[in-house]
């Protein structure tokens, strides 16, 4: 609880908003931006409408505005996914869907091995001998599901 005679003013929230923006730039987690927006909402609300708002209501407004801004952004992001010229970047397993490769080890009892560039992948599918051309049809975790090409 604040000391007697001490009051949180609108500019405290605006300064907090600026500090949170600086933290967002330094940390780059895309989370502090929404907290900074919520602090700015509290500061502007106090400055323009309720300058004598109690600290309890300020904290409540900050909490509600923080949660609301995060949820609103998540919904917007889900409805408008970012486009990319390389949609499978950092999703190596998806890059191989539909491609054809040659087995480096036979598939025995449903499992085998496939060499792609400098990486060995565990594969699953029907039993096939070494050297068979296979096409990647699905991915389950770190296992490529293949079928004879």
N, C-alpha and C. Protein backbone atom coordinates (compact mmCIF):
# COMPACT_ATOMS: atom_id res chain seq x y z
N UNK A 1 0.85 -1.17 0.00
CA UNK A 1 0.00 0.00 0.00
C UNK A 1 0.91 1.24 0.00
N UNK A 2 0.59 2.25 -0.83
CA UNK A 2 1.42 3.46 -0.87
C UNK A 2 1.39 4.20 0.46
N UNK A 3 2.48 4.91 0.71
CA UNK A 3 2.57 5.70 1.94
C UNK A 3 1.57 6.84 1.90
N UNK A 4 1.19 7.34 3.06
CA UNK A 4 0.27 8.47 3.14
C UNK A 4 0.90 9.68 2.46
N UNK A 5 0.12 10.35 1.61
CA UNK A 5 0.63 11.53 0.93
C UNK A 5 1.30 11.23 -0.39
N UNK A 6 1.54 9.95 -0.70
CA UNK A 6 2.16 9.59 -1.95
C UNK A 6 1.07 9.17 -2.92
N UNK A 7 1.14 9.69 -4.14
CA UNK A 7 0.10 9.39 -5.10
C UNK A 7 0.73 9.07 -6.46
N UNK A 8 0.17 8.10 -7.14
CA UNK A 8 0.62 7.76 -8.48
C UNK A 8 -0.09 8.70 -9.45
N UNK A 9 0.68 9.42 -10.24
CA UNK A 9 0.11 10.35 -11.21
C UNK A 9 0.15 9.73 -12.60
N UNK A 10 -0.51 10.40 -13.52
CA UNK A 10 -0.58 9.88 -14.89
C UNK A 10 0.80 9.74 -15.52
N UNK A 11 1.70 10.66 -15.19
CA UNK A 11 3.02 10.61 -15.83
C UNK A 11 3.85 9.42 -15.36
N UNK A 12 3.56 8.90 -14.16
CA UNK A 12 4.23 7.68 -13.71
C UNK A 12 3.93 6.53 -14.68
N UNK A 13 2.67 6.43 -15.09
CA UNK A 13 2.26 5.37 -16.01
C UNK A 13 2.86 5.58 -17.40
N UNK A 14 2.94 6.84 -17.82
CA UNK A 14 3.53 7.11 -19.13
C UNK A 14 5.03 6.81 -19.13
N UNK A 15 5.70 7.09 -18.02
CA UNK A 15 7.12 6.73 -17.91
C UNK A 15 7.27 5.22 -17.89
N UNK A 16 6.41 4.53 -17.15
CA UNK A 16 6.43 3.06 -17.13
C UNK A 16 6.21 2.52 -18.55
N UNK A 17 5.31 3.12 -19.28
CA UNK A 17 5.06 2.71 -20.66
C UNK A 17 6.34 2.85 -21.50
N UNK A 18 7.03 3.97 -21.36
CA UNK A 18 8.29 4.17 -22.09
C UNK A 18 9.35 3.17 -21.70
N UNK A 19 9.46 2.88 -20.41
CA UNK A 19 10.45 1.90 -19.93
C UNK A 19 10.13 0.51 -20.49
N UNK A 20 8.84 0.16 -20.49
CA UNK A 20 8.45 -1.14 -21.04
C UNK A 20 8.72 -1.23 -22.54
N UNK A 21 8.57 -0.12 -23.25
CA UNK A 21 8.92 -0.11 -24.67
C UNK A 21 10.42 -0.32 -24.88
N UNK A 22 11.22 0.29 -24.03
CA UNK A 22 12.67 0.09 -24.12
C UNK A 22 13.02 -1.36 -23.82
N UNK A 23 12.38 -1.94 -22.81
CA UNK A 23 12.61 -3.35 -22.49
C UNK A 23 12.21 -4.22 -23.68
N UNK A 24 11.11 -3.89 -24.34
CA UNK A 24 10.68 -4.65 -25.53
C UNK A 24 11.73 -4.62 -26.62
N UNK A 25 12.34 -3.46 -26.84
CA UNK A 25 13.37 -3.34 -27.86
C UNK A 25 14.59 -4.18 -27.48
N UNK A 26 14.96 -4.17 -26.22
CA UNK A 26 16.15 -4.90 -25.78
C UNK A 26 15.93 -6.40 -25.70
N UNK A 27 14.76 -6.82 -25.25
CA UNK A 27 14.49 -8.24 -25.04
C UNK A 27 13.90 -8.89 -26.29
N UNK A 28 13.10 -8.17 -27.03
CA UNK A 28 12.52 -8.64 -28.28
C UNK A 28 11.70 -9.91 -28.10
N UNK A 29 10.78 -9.88 -27.17
CA UNK A 29 9.91 -11.02 -26.98
C UNK A 29 8.49 -10.77 -27.44
N UNK A 30 8.19 -9.57 -27.89
CA UNK A 30 6.87 -9.15 -28.36
C UNK A 30 5.82 -9.36 -27.29
N UNK A 31 6.17 -9.14 -26.04
CA UNK A 31 5.24 -9.25 -24.92
C UNK A 31 5.15 -7.93 -24.17
N UNK A 32 6.29 -7.30 -23.95
CA UNK A 32 6.31 -6.06 -23.19
C UNK A 32 5.62 -4.92 -23.94
N UNK A 33 5.48 -5.06 -25.25
CA UNK A 33 4.78 -4.05 -26.04
C UNK A 33 3.35 -3.89 -25.55
N UNK A 34 2.70 -5.00 -25.24
CA UNK A 34 1.30 -4.95 -24.82
C UNK A 34 1.18 -4.43 -23.39
N UNK A 35 2.17 -4.71 -22.56
CA UNK A 35 2.18 -4.12 -21.21
C UNK A 35 2.42 -2.62 -21.30
N UNK A 36 3.28 -2.20 -22.23
CA UNK A 36 3.51 -0.76 -22.43
C UNK A 36 2.24 -0.09 -22.90
N UNK A 37 1.51 -0.72 -23.79
CA UNK A 37 0.24 -0.16 -24.26
C UNK A 37 -0.75 -0.04 -23.11
N UNK A 38 -0.80 -1.04 -22.24
CA UNK A 38 -1.71 -1.00 -21.09
C UNK A 38 -1.32 0.12 -20.13
N UNK A 39 -0.03 0.29 -19.90
CA UNK A 39 0.42 1.39 -19.02
C UNK A 39 0.06 2.73 -19.64
N UNK A 40 0.18 2.85 -20.95
CA UNK A 40 -0.19 4.09 -21.63
C UNK A 40 -1.69 4.34 -21.51
N UNK A 41 -2.49 3.29 -21.59
CA UNK A 41 -3.94 3.43 -21.43
C UNK A 41 -4.27 3.97 -20.04
N UNK A 42 -3.63 3.43 -19.02
CA UNK A 42 -3.87 3.91 -17.66
C UNK A 42 -3.44 5.37 -17.53
N UNK A 43 -2.25 5.69 -18.03
CA UNK A 43 -1.77 7.07 -17.95
C UNK A 43 -2.67 8.04 -18.68
N UNK A 44 -3.10 7.71 -19.88
CA UNK A 44 -3.98 8.60 -20.64
C UNK A 44 -5.36 8.70 -20.01
N UNK A 45 -5.86 7.59 -19.47
CA UNK A 45 -7.15 7.63 -18.78
C UNK A 45 -7.09 8.56 -17.58
N UNK A 46 -6.02 8.50 -16.82
CA UNK A 46 -5.88 9.39 -15.66
C UNK A 46 -5.71 10.84 -16.11
N UNK A 47 -4.95 11.05 -17.15
CA UNK A 47 -4.68 12.41 -17.62
C UNK A 47 -5.93 13.07 -18.19
N UNK A 48 -6.70 12.32 -18.98
CA UNK A 48 -7.83 12.91 -19.69
C UNK A 48 -9.17 12.79 -18.98
N UNK A 49 -9.36 11.79 -18.13
CA UNK A 49 -10.69 11.56 -17.57
C UNK A 49 -10.75 11.51 -16.05
N UNK A 50 -9.86 10.77 -15.43
CA UNK A 50 -9.97 10.54 -13.98
C UNK A 50 -8.65 10.80 -13.28
N UNK A 51 -8.26 12.04 -13.10
CA UNK A 51 -6.95 12.32 -12.50
C UNK A 51 -6.82 11.88 -11.04
N UNK A 52 -7.93 11.71 -10.35
CA UNK A 52 -7.87 11.32 -8.93
C UNK A 52 -8.16 9.84 -8.74
N UNK A 53 -7.96 9.04 -9.76
CA UNK A 53 -8.23 7.61 -9.66
C UNK A 53 -7.34 6.98 -8.60
N UNK A 54 -7.92 6.17 -7.75
CA UNK A 54 -7.17 5.49 -6.69
C UNK A 54 -6.21 4.46 -7.26
N UNK A 55 -5.15 4.18 -6.51
CA UNK A 55 -4.13 3.27 -7.02
C UNK A 55 -4.68 1.86 -7.25
N UNK A 56 -5.71 1.46 -6.44
CA UNK A 56 -6.30 0.14 -6.62
C UNK A 56 -6.94 0.02 -8.00
N UNK A 57 -7.66 1.08 -8.40
CA UNK A 57 -8.31 1.08 -9.72
C UNK A 57 -7.29 1.20 -10.84
N UNK A 58 -6.20 1.88 -10.57
CA UNK A 58 -5.14 1.99 -11.57
C UNK A 58 -4.55 0.60 -11.87
N UNK A 59 -4.26 -0.14 -10.82
CA UNK A 59 -3.71 -1.49 -10.98
C UNK A 59 -4.72 -2.39 -11.68
N UNK A 60 -5.98 -2.28 -11.29
CA UNK A 60 -7.02 -3.08 -11.92
C UNK A 60 -7.14 -2.75 -13.41
N UNK A 61 -7.14 -1.46 -13.74
CA UNK A 61 -7.22 -1.05 -15.14
C UNK A 61 -5.99 -1.53 -15.92
N UNK A 62 -4.82 -1.46 -15.30
CA UNK A 62 -3.60 -1.94 -15.95
C UNK A 62 -3.70 -3.44 -16.23
N UNK A 63 -4.16 -4.20 -15.26
CA UNK A 63 -4.29 -5.65 -15.43
C UNK A 63 -5.29 -5.99 -16.53
N UNK A 64 -6.44 -5.34 -16.50
CA UNK A 64 -7.47 -5.62 -17.51
C UNK A 64 -6.98 -5.20 -18.90
N UNK A 65 -6.36 -4.03 -19.00
CA UNK A 65 -5.85 -3.55 -20.29
C UNK A 65 -4.73 -4.45 -20.80
N UNK A 66 -3.88 -4.97 -19.92
CA UNK A 66 -2.80 -5.87 -20.33
C UNK A 66 -3.37 -7.15 -20.92
N UNK A 67 -4.27 -7.77 -20.19
CA UNK A 67 -4.87 -9.02 -20.67
C UNK A 67 -5.65 -8.79 -21.96
N UNK A 68 -6.42 -7.70 -22.01
CA UNK A 68 -7.22 -7.41 -23.21
C UNK A 68 -6.33 -7.16 -24.43
N UNK A 69 -5.23 -6.45 -24.25
CA UNK A 69 -4.37 -6.16 -25.40
C UNK A 69 -3.66 -7.43 -25.89
N UNK A 70 -3.25 -8.29 -24.98
CA UNK A 70 -2.60 -9.55 -25.37
C UNK A 70 -3.59 -10.46 -26.09
N UNK A 71 -4.80 -10.58 -25.56
CA UNK A 71 -5.82 -11.42 -26.20
C UNK A 71 -6.19 -10.86 -27.57
N UNK A 72 -6.36 -9.54 -27.66
CA UNK A 72 -6.72 -8.93 -28.95
C UNK A 72 -5.64 -9.17 -29.98
N UNK A 73 -4.37 -9.04 -29.58
CA UNK A 73 -3.30 -9.29 -30.53
C UNK A 73 -3.26 -10.75 -30.96
N UNK A 74 -3.42 -11.66 -30.02
CA UNK A 74 -3.39 -13.09 -30.35
C UNK A 74 -4.50 -13.45 -31.34
N UNK A 75 -5.68 -12.88 -31.11
CA UNK A 75 -6.80 -13.14 -32.04
C UNK A 75 -6.51 -12.56 -33.41
N UNK A 76 -5.97 -11.35 -33.45
CA UNK A 76 -5.62 -10.73 -34.72
C UNK A 76 -4.56 -11.57 -35.44
N UNK A 77 -3.55 -11.98 -34.70
CA UNK A 77 -2.47 -12.76 -35.29
C UNK A 77 -2.98 -14.11 -35.82
N UNK A 78 -3.91 -14.71 -35.10
CA UNK A 78 -4.47 -15.98 -35.55
C UNK A 78 -5.30 -15.79 -36.81
N UNK A 79 -6.04 -14.69 -36.90
CA UNK A 79 -6.88 -14.42 -38.07
C UNK A 79 -6.07 -13.96 -39.27
N UNK A 80 -4.90 -13.35 -39.04
CA UNK A 80 -4.06 -12.83 -40.12
C UNK A 80 -2.63 -13.36 -39.97
N UNK A 81 -2.41 -14.63 -40.31
CA UNK A 81 -1.05 -15.18 -40.16
C UNK A 81 -0.08 -14.47 -41.10
N UNK A 82 1.16 -14.30 -40.66
CA UNK A 82 2.13 -13.60 -41.51
C UNK A 82 2.45 -14.43 -42.76
N UNK A 83 2.61 -13.74 -43.87
CA UNK A 83 2.99 -14.44 -45.09
C UNK A 83 4.51 -14.43 -45.21
N UNK A 84 5.01 -15.42 -45.93
CA UNK A 84 6.45 -15.55 -46.06
C UNK A 84 6.79 -16.13 -47.42
N UNK A 85 7.93 -15.73 -47.96
CA UNK A 85 8.39 -16.34 -49.20
C UNK A 85 9.04 -17.70 -48.94
N UNK A 86 9.29 -18.01 -47.66
CA UNK A 86 9.85 -19.31 -47.27
C UNK A 86 9.03 -19.86 -46.09
N UNK A 87 7.81 -20.35 -46.35
CA UNK A 87 6.93 -20.76 -45.26
C UNK A 87 7.43 -21.96 -44.46
N UNK A 88 8.34 -22.76 -45.01
CA UNK A 88 8.82 -23.93 -44.27
C UNK A 88 10.17 -23.68 -43.61
N UNK A 89 10.63 -22.44 -43.61
CA UNK A 89 11.89 -22.12 -42.94
C UNK A 89 11.76 -22.46 -41.46
N UNK A 90 12.76 -23.10 -40.89
CA UNK A 90 12.78 -23.56 -39.50
C UNK A 90 11.78 -24.68 -39.23
N UNK A 91 11.24 -25.27 -40.27
CA UNK A 91 10.40 -26.46 -40.15
C UNK A 91 10.91 -27.45 -41.18
N UNK A 92 12.11 -27.95 -40.91
CA UNK A 92 12.82 -28.78 -41.89
C UNK A 92 12.01 -29.99 -42.31
N UNK A 93 11.32 -30.60 -41.36
CA UNK A 93 10.57 -31.80 -41.71
C UNK A 93 9.51 -31.51 -42.76
N UNK A 94 8.85 -30.36 -42.70
CA UNK A 94 7.83 -30.02 -43.68
C UNK A 94 8.42 -29.70 -45.05
N UNK A 95 9.70 -29.34 -45.09
CA UNK A 95 10.34 -29.06 -46.36
C UNK A 95 10.45 -30.32 -47.22
N UNK A 96 10.40 -31.47 -46.59
CA UNK A 96 10.61 -32.72 -47.30
C UNK A 96 9.32 -33.36 -47.79
N UNK A 97 8.17 -32.85 -47.38
CA UNK A 97 6.89 -33.43 -47.80
C UNK A 97 6.78 -33.41 -49.33
N UNK A 98 6.46 -34.56 -49.89
CA UNK A 98 6.28 -34.66 -51.33
C UNK A 98 7.56 -34.88 -52.12
N UNK A 99 8.72 -34.77 -51.46
CA UNK A 99 9.99 -34.95 -52.18
C UNK A 99 10.37 -36.43 -52.22
N UNK A 100 11.19 -36.77 -53.21
CA UNK A 100 11.64 -38.15 -53.40
C UNK A 100 13.11 -38.27 -53.04
N UNK A 101 13.44 -39.35 -52.30
CA UNK A 101 14.81 -39.61 -51.87
C UNK A 101 15.11 -41.09 -52.06
N UNK A 102 16.38 -41.45 -51.87
CA UNK A 102 16.81 -42.83 -51.95
C UNK A 102 17.15 -43.33 -50.55
N UNK A 103 16.63 -44.51 -50.20
CA UNK A 103 16.89 -45.08 -48.87
C UNK A 103 18.37 -45.39 -48.70
N UNK A 104 18.95 -44.96 -47.57
CA UNK A 104 20.34 -45.28 -47.29
C UNK A 104 20.46 -46.58 -46.51
N UNK A 105 19.39 -46.97 -45.84
CA UNK A 105 19.32 -48.26 -45.14
C UNK A 105 17.94 -48.84 -45.41
N UNK A 106 17.82 -50.14 -45.40
CA UNK A 106 16.50 -50.73 -45.70
C UNK A 106 15.48 -50.43 -44.60
N UNK A 107 14.22 -50.43 -44.99
CA UNK A 107 13.15 -50.34 -44.00
C UNK A 107 12.80 -51.77 -43.62
N UNK A 108 13.08 -52.09 -42.37
CA UNK A 108 12.83 -53.43 -41.83
C UNK A 108 11.90 -53.28 -40.65
N UNK A 109 10.84 -54.08 -40.63
CA UNK A 109 9.83 -54.02 -39.56
C UNK A 109 9.27 -52.60 -39.42
N UNK A 110 9.17 -51.91 -40.54
CA UNK A 110 8.52 -50.60 -40.54
C UNK A 110 9.41 -49.41 -40.28
N UNK A 111 10.71 -49.62 -39.94
CA UNK A 111 11.59 -48.47 -39.69
C UNK A 111 12.89 -48.62 -40.48
N UNK A 112 13.42 -47.48 -40.89
CA UNK A 112 14.67 -47.46 -41.63
C UNK A 112 15.33 -46.11 -41.50
N UNK A 113 16.25 -45.82 -42.44
CA UNK A 113 17.00 -44.57 -42.37
C UNK A 113 17.13 -43.97 -43.76
N UNK A 114 17.09 -42.66 -43.79
CA UNK A 114 17.17 -41.92 -45.04
C UNK A 114 18.18 -40.80 -44.86
N UNK A 115 19.11 -40.67 -45.80
CA UNK A 115 20.08 -39.57 -45.76
C UNK A 115 19.58 -38.46 -46.65
N UNK A 116 19.49 -37.25 -46.05
CA UNK A 116 19.12 -36.05 -46.79
C UNK A 116 20.22 -35.04 -46.53
N UNK A 117 20.98 -34.71 -47.58
CA UNK A 117 22.13 -33.82 -47.46
C UNK A 117 23.08 -34.40 -46.42
N UNK A 118 23.28 -33.69 -45.29
CA UNK A 118 24.21 -34.17 -44.27
C UNK A 118 23.48 -34.71 -43.04
N UNK A 119 22.19 -34.98 -43.17
CA UNK A 119 21.38 -35.40 -42.03
C UNK A 119 20.76 -36.76 -42.28
N UNK A 120 20.75 -37.59 -41.25
CA UNK A 120 20.07 -38.88 -41.33
C UNK A 120 18.71 -38.75 -40.65
N UNK A 121 17.68 -39.23 -41.31
CA UNK A 121 16.32 -39.18 -40.77
C UNK A 121 15.82 -40.60 -40.55
N UNK A 122 15.10 -40.78 -39.48
CA UNK A 122 14.42 -42.05 -39.24
C UNK A 122 13.18 -42.03 -40.13
N UNK A 123 12.94 -43.15 -40.80
CA UNK A 123 11.77 -43.23 -41.67
C UNK A 123 10.90 -44.41 -41.25
N UNK A 124 9.64 -44.28 -41.59
CA UNK A 124 8.68 -45.33 -41.29
C UNK A 124 7.86 -45.59 -42.55
N UNK A 125 7.57 -46.85 -42.78
CA UNK A 125 6.79 -47.22 -43.96
C UNK A 125 6.86 -48.71 -44.19
N UNK A 126 6.40 -49.12 -45.37
CA UNK A 126 6.45 -50.55 -45.71
C UNK A 126 7.89 -50.99 -45.89
N UNK A 127 8.16 -52.24 -45.62
CA UNK A 127 9.53 -52.77 -45.75
C UNK A 127 10.02 -52.63 -47.19
N UNK A 128 11.19 -51.99 -47.34
CA UNK A 128 11.79 -51.77 -48.66
C UNK A 128 13.30 -51.95 -48.55
N UNK A 129 13.97 -52.38 -49.63
CA UNK A 129 15.43 -52.57 -49.59
C UNK A 129 16.18 -51.24 -49.75
N UNK A 130 17.48 -51.28 -49.40
CA UNK A 130 18.36 -50.12 -49.58
C UNK A 130 18.38 -49.72 -51.05
N UNK A 131 18.43 -48.40 -51.29
CA UNK A 131 18.50 -47.90 -52.65
C UNK A 131 17.16 -47.65 -53.31
N UNK A 132 16.07 -48.00 -52.63
CA UNK A 132 14.73 -47.78 -53.19
C UNK A 132 14.38 -46.30 -53.14
N UNK A 133 13.77 -45.82 -54.21
CA UNK A 133 13.29 -44.43 -54.23
C UNK A 133 12.00 -44.37 -53.42
N UNK A 134 11.96 -43.42 -52.47
CA UNK A 134 10.77 -43.24 -51.63
C UNK A 134 10.34 -41.78 -51.67
N UNK A 135 9.05 -41.57 -51.46
CA UNK A 135 8.49 -40.23 -51.40
C UNK A 135 7.98 -39.98 -49.98
N UNK A 136 8.30 -38.80 -49.43
CA UNK A 136 7.86 -38.45 -48.08
C UNK A 136 6.40 -38.03 -48.16
N UNK A 137 5.53 -38.74 -47.41
CA UNK A 137 4.10 -38.47 -47.46
C UNK A 137 3.57 -37.81 -46.19
N UNK A 138 4.31 -37.93 -45.09
CA UNK A 138 3.85 -37.34 -43.83
C UNK A 138 5.03 -37.25 -42.87
N UNK A 139 4.81 -36.54 -41.77
CA UNK A 139 5.82 -36.41 -40.72
C UNK A 139 5.14 -36.65 -39.38
N UNK A 140 5.75 -37.49 -38.56
CA UNK A 140 5.28 -37.73 -37.19
C UNK A 140 6.43 -37.48 -36.25
N UNK A 141 6.45 -36.32 -35.62
CA UNK A 141 7.56 -35.97 -34.73
C UNK A 141 8.83 -35.82 -35.53
N UNK A 142 9.83 -36.69 -35.25
CA UNK A 142 11.10 -36.64 -35.98
C UNK A 142 11.22 -37.81 -36.95
N UNK A 143 10.11 -38.45 -37.28
CA UNK A 143 10.11 -39.57 -38.21
C UNK A 143 9.38 -39.17 -39.48
N UNK A 144 10.04 -39.40 -40.62
CA UNK A 144 9.40 -39.17 -41.92
C UNK A 144 8.66 -40.42 -42.33
N UNK A 145 7.41 -40.26 -42.72
CA UNK A 145 6.61 -41.38 -43.20
C UNK A 145 6.77 -41.42 -44.73
N UNK A 146 7.21 -42.57 -45.24
CA UNK A 146 7.53 -42.66 -46.67
C UNK A 146 6.72 -43.76 -47.33
N UNK A 147 6.63 -43.64 -48.65
CA UNK A 147 6.01 -44.67 -49.48
C UNK A 147 6.90 -44.83 -50.71
N UNK A 148 6.88 -46.03 -51.30
CA UNK A 148 7.68 -46.28 -52.48
C UNK A 148 7.27 -45.31 -53.59
N UNK A 149 8.26 -44.74 -54.26
CA UNK A 149 7.98 -43.75 -55.31
C UNK A 149 7.65 -44.41 -56.61
